C-alpha atoms as a PDB file:
ATOM      1  CA  MET A   1      -0.322   0.094  -0.088  1.00  0.00           C
ATOM      2  CA  LYS A   2       1.575   3.834  -1.031  1.00  0.00           C
ATOM      3  CA  ILE A   3       0.953   6.839   0.121  1.00  0.00           C
ATOM      4  CA  VAL A   4       0.548   8.675  -3.036  1.00  0.00           C
ATOM      5  CA  ARG A   5      -0.816  11.793  -1.954  1.00  0.00           C
ATOM      6  CA  ALA A   6       0.711  14.387   1.675  1.00  0.00           C
ATOM      7  CA  GLU A   7      -0.945  17.784   1.443  1.00  0.00           C
ATOM      8  CA  VAL A   8      -0.181  20.339   4.430  1.00  0.00           C
ATOM      9  CA  PHE A   9      -2.950  22.659   5.594  1.00  0.00           C
ATOM     10  CA  VAL A  10      -2.950  25.233   7.918  1.00  0.00           C
ATOM     11  CA  THR A  11      -5.777  26.080   9.866  1.00  0.00           C
ATOM     12  CA  CYS A  12      -7.318  28.886  11.935  1.00  0.00           C
ATOM     13  CA  PRO A  13      -6.257  32.467  11.798  1.00  0.00           C
ATOM     14  CA  GLY A  14      -3.961  33.770  13.809  1.00  0.00           C
ATOM     15  CA  ARG A  15      -3.055  30.180  15.447  1.00  0.00           C
ATOM     16  CA  ASN A  16      -2.348  28.268  12.819  1.00  0.00           C
ATOM     17  CA  PHE A  17      -3.000  24.901  12.900  1.00  0.00           C
ATOM     18  CA  VAL A  18      -0.492  22.622  10.904  1.00  0.00           C
ATOM     19  CA  THR A  19      -2.297  19.182   9.678  1.00  0.00           C
ATOM     20  CA  LEU A  20      -0.867  16.894   7.043  1.00  0.00           C
ATOM     21  CA  LYS A  21      -2.848  14.429   6.035  1.00  0.00           C
ATOM     22  CA  ILE A  22      -1.470  11.480   4.269  1.00  0.00           C
ATOM     23  CA  THR A  23      -3.484   8.938   1.546  1.00  0.00           C
ATOM     24  CA  THR A  24      -2.596   6.154   0.165  1.00  0.00           C
ATOM     25  CA  GLU A  25      -3.280   4.702  -3.138  1.00  0.00           C
ATOM     26  CA  ASP A  26      -6.135   2.068  -1.151  1.00  0.00           C
ATOM     27  CA  GLY A  27      -7.769   5.526  -0.162  1.00  0.00           C
ATOM     28  CA  ILE A  28      -6.756   5.469   3.485  1.00  0.00           C
ATOM     29  CA  THR A  29      -6.102   8.786   5.414  1.00  0.00           C
ATOM     30  CA  GLY A  30      -4.152   9.471   8.493  1.00  0.00           C
ATOM     31  CA  LEU A  31      -3.809  12.875   9.522  1.00  0.00           C
ATOM     32  CA  GLY A  32      -0.941  14.204  12.047  1.00  0.00           C
ATOM     33  CA  ASP A  33      -0.501  17.842  13.776  1.00  0.00           C
ATOM     34  CA  ALA A  34       2.865  19.662  13.258  1.00  0.00           C
ATOM     35  CA  THR A  35       2.207  22.197  15.164  1.00  0.00           C
ATOM     36  CA  LEU A  36       4.902  24.579  16.905  1.00  0.00           C
ATOM     37  CA  ASN A  37       3.561  27.372  18.560  1.00  0.00           C
ATOM     38  CA  GLY A  38       4.983  30.602  16.899  1.00  0.00           C
ATOM     39  CA  ARG A  39       6.570  28.356  14.193  1.00  0.00           C
ATOM     40  CA  GLU A  40       3.792  26.917  12.518  1.00  0.00           C
ATOM     41  CA  LEU A  41       4.431  28.496   8.900  1.00  0.00           C
ATOM     42  CA  SER A  42       8.035  28.176   8.866  1.00  0.00           C
ATOM     43  CA  VAL A  43       7.176  24.032   9.812  1.00  0.00           C
ATOM     44  CA  ALA A  44       4.214  24.119   6.724  1.00  0.00           C
ATOM     45  CA  SER A  45       6.721  24.698   3.997  1.00  0.00           C
ATOM     46  CA  TYR A  46       9.282  23.069   5.511  1.00  0.00           C
ATOM     47  CA  LEU A  47       7.006  19.917   5.850  1.00  0.00           C
ATOM     48  CA  GLN A  48       5.166  21.000   2.143  1.00  0.00           C
ATOM     49  CA  ASP A  49       8.569  22.017   0.866  1.00  0.00           C
ATOM     50  CA  HIS A  50      10.641  19.074   1.634  1.00  0.00           C
ATOM     51  CA  LEU A  51       9.020  16.137   3.464  1.00  0.00           C
ATOM     52  CA  CYS A  52       5.958  15.601   1.410  1.00  0.00           C
ATOM     53  CA  PRO A  53       7.651  14.872  -1.734  1.00  0.00           C
ATOM     54  CA  GLN A  54      10.168  12.262   0.071  1.00  0.00           C
ATOM     55  CA  LEU A  55       6.714  10.363   1.496  1.00  0.00           C
ATOM     56  CA  ILE A  56       5.387   9.584  -2.144  1.00  0.00           C
ATOM     57  CA  GLY A  57       5.795   5.825  -3.326  1.00  0.00           C
ATOM     58  CA  ARG A  58       6.915   4.700  -0.158  1.00  0.00           C
ATOM     59  CA  ASP A  59       4.863   1.831   1.456  1.00  0.00           C
ATOM     60  CA  ALA A  60       2.665   2.677   3.786  1.00  0.00           C
ATOM     61  CA  HIS A  61       2.727  -0.132   6.669  1.00  0.00           C
ATOM     62  CA  ARG A  62       6.841   1.188   7.168  1.00  0.00           C
ATOM     63  CA  ILE A  63       6.062   3.278   9.594  1.00  0.00           C
ATOM     64  CA  GLU A  64       9.045   3.149  11.737  1.00  0.00           C
ATOM     65  CA  ASP A  65      11.132   2.593   8.292  1.00  0.00           C
ATOM     66  CA  ILE A  66       9.281   5.831   7.613  1.00  0.00           C
ATOM     67  CA  TRP A  67       9.922   7.410  11.020  1.00  0.00           C
ATOM     68  CA  GLN A  68      13.514   7.271  10.916  1.00  0.00           C
ATOM     69  CA  PHE A  69      14.155   8.297   7.708  1.00  0.00           C
ATOM     70  CA  PHE A  70      12.636  11.612   8.123  1.00  0.00           C
ATOM     71  CA  TYR A  71      14.660  11.584  12.415  1.00  0.00           C
ATOM     72  CA  ASN A  72      17.640  10.972   9.955  1.00  0.00           C
ATOM     73  CA  TRP A  73      17.072  12.483   6.897  1.00  0.00           C
ATOM     74  CA  THR A  74      16.752  15.697   8.696  1.00  0.00           C
ATOM     75  CA  PHE A  75      19.427  16.204  10.299  1.00  0.00           C
ATOM     76  CA  ASP A  76      21.278  15.008   7.711  1.00  0.00           C
ATOM     77  CA  ASN A  77      20.307  17.945   5.210  1.00  0.00           C
ATOM     78  CA  GLY A  78      21.314  20.184   7.314  1.00  0.00           C
ATOM     79  CA  TYR A  79      17.100  21.102   8.675  1.00  0.00           C
ATOM     80  CA  MET A  80      18.009  20.469  11.954  1.00  0.00           C
ATOM     81  CA  HIS A  81      20.052  20.316  14.536  1.00  0.00           C
ATOM     82  CA  PRO A  82      20.807  18.781  17.578  1.00  0.00           C
ATOM     83  CA  GLY A  83      19.042  20.451  20.422  1.00  0.00           C
ATOM     84  CA  ASP A  84      16.020  21.438  17.958  1.00  0.00           C
ATOM     85  CA  LYS A  85      12.774  19.331  18.295  1.00  0.00           C
ATOM     86  CA  PRO A  86      13.388  16.041  17.018  1.00  0.00           C
ATOM     87  CA  GLY A  87      10.532  13.968  14.528  1.00  0.00           C
ATOM     88  CA  LEU A  88       8.310  17.627  14.150  1.00  0.00           C
ATOM     89  CA  GLY A  89       5.764  17.014  11.968  1.00  0.00           C
ATOM     90  CA  ILE A  90       6.607  12.819  12.710  1.00  0.00           C
ATOM     91  CA  GLU A  91       5.177  11.903  15.693  1.00  0.00           C
ATOM     92  CA  PHE A  92       3.231   8.762  16.198  1.00  0.00           C
ATOM     93  CA  ASP A  93       0.560   8.556  18.528  1.00  0.00           C
ATOM     94  CA  GLU A  94       0.466   4.822  19.424  1.00  0.00           C
ATOM     95  CA  LYS A  95      -2.284   5.356  22.014  1.00  0.00           C
ATOM     96  CA  LEU A  96      -4.537   6.513  19.019  1.00  0.00           C
ATOM     97  CA  ALA A  97      -3.012   3.220  16.786  1.00  0.00           C
ATOM     98  CA  ALA A  98      -4.227   0.931  19.550  1.00  0.00           C
ATOM     99  CA  LYS A  99      -7.330   1.764  20.495  1.00  0.00           C
ATOM    100  CA  TYR A 100      -8.324   2.586  16.523  1.00  0.00           C
ATOM    101  CA  PRO A 101      -6.005  -0.509  15.076  1.00  0.00           C
ATOM    102  CA  TYR A 102      -6.132  -1.534  11.239  1.00  0.00           C
ATOM    103  CA  GLU A 103      -4.383  -4.197  10.656  1.00  0.00           C
ATOM    104  CA  PRO A 104      -4.807  -5.518   6.604  1.00  0.00           C
ATOM    105  CA  ALA A 105      -4.323  -9.310   6.516  1.00  0.00           C
ATOM    106  CA  TYR A 106      -2.555  -9.409   3.351  1.00  0.00           C
ATOM    107  CA  LEU A 107       0.400  -7.717   5.060  1.00  0.00           C
ATOM    108  CA  PRO A 108       4.065 -10.050   5.977  1.00  0.00           C
ATOM    109  CA  VAL A 109       5.803  -8.874   8.394  1.00  0.00           C
ATOM    110  CA  ALA A 110       8.891 -10.117  10.073  1.00  0.00           C
ATOM    111  CA  ARG A 111      10.468  -7.722  12.749  1.00  0.00           C
ATOM    112  CA  LEU A 112      14.392  -8.306  13.500  1.00  0.00           C
ATOM    113  CA  GLU A 113      15.932  -8.262  16.823  1.00  0.00           C
ATOM    114  CA  ASP A 114      16.837  -4.719  16.166  1.00  0.00           C
ATOM    115  CA  GLY A 115      13.236  -3.576  15.378  1.00  0.00           C
ATOM    116  CA  THR A 116      13.623  -2.229  12.129  1.00  0.00           C
ATOM    117  CA  LEU A 117      11.762  -4.244   9.579  1.00  0.00           C
ATOM    118  CA  TRP A 118      12.674  -6.459   7.295  1.00  0.00           C
ATOM    119  CA  ASN A 119      11.450  -5.768   3.367  1.00  0.00           C
ATOM    120  CA  TRP A 120      10.200  -8.677   1.727  1.00  0.00           C
END
């Protein structure tokens, strides 16, 4: 299940909540909050110009792989420095995911000892 669209929305003028919407080829959508008080528009621009294009075509099931890629990519490319907010815009709400699980039956997963997923 590949990611086909990643959109950034800035809402609530004056407060500027930043929301990232990801859509898969199966029509499943996911929403994430990327609001950083006082820096909302720079976060929205960063997501739209740099992270969203990198999401297109990635396997939506490989959440940990995507998170690690972006976490390391932001530091390696000079967009963030140690001490900045790590993982900005790519946080994952584990409690919410546990409350509303979605596990397609056709998903083969092999988790290695170090916690990474094996690419079939």
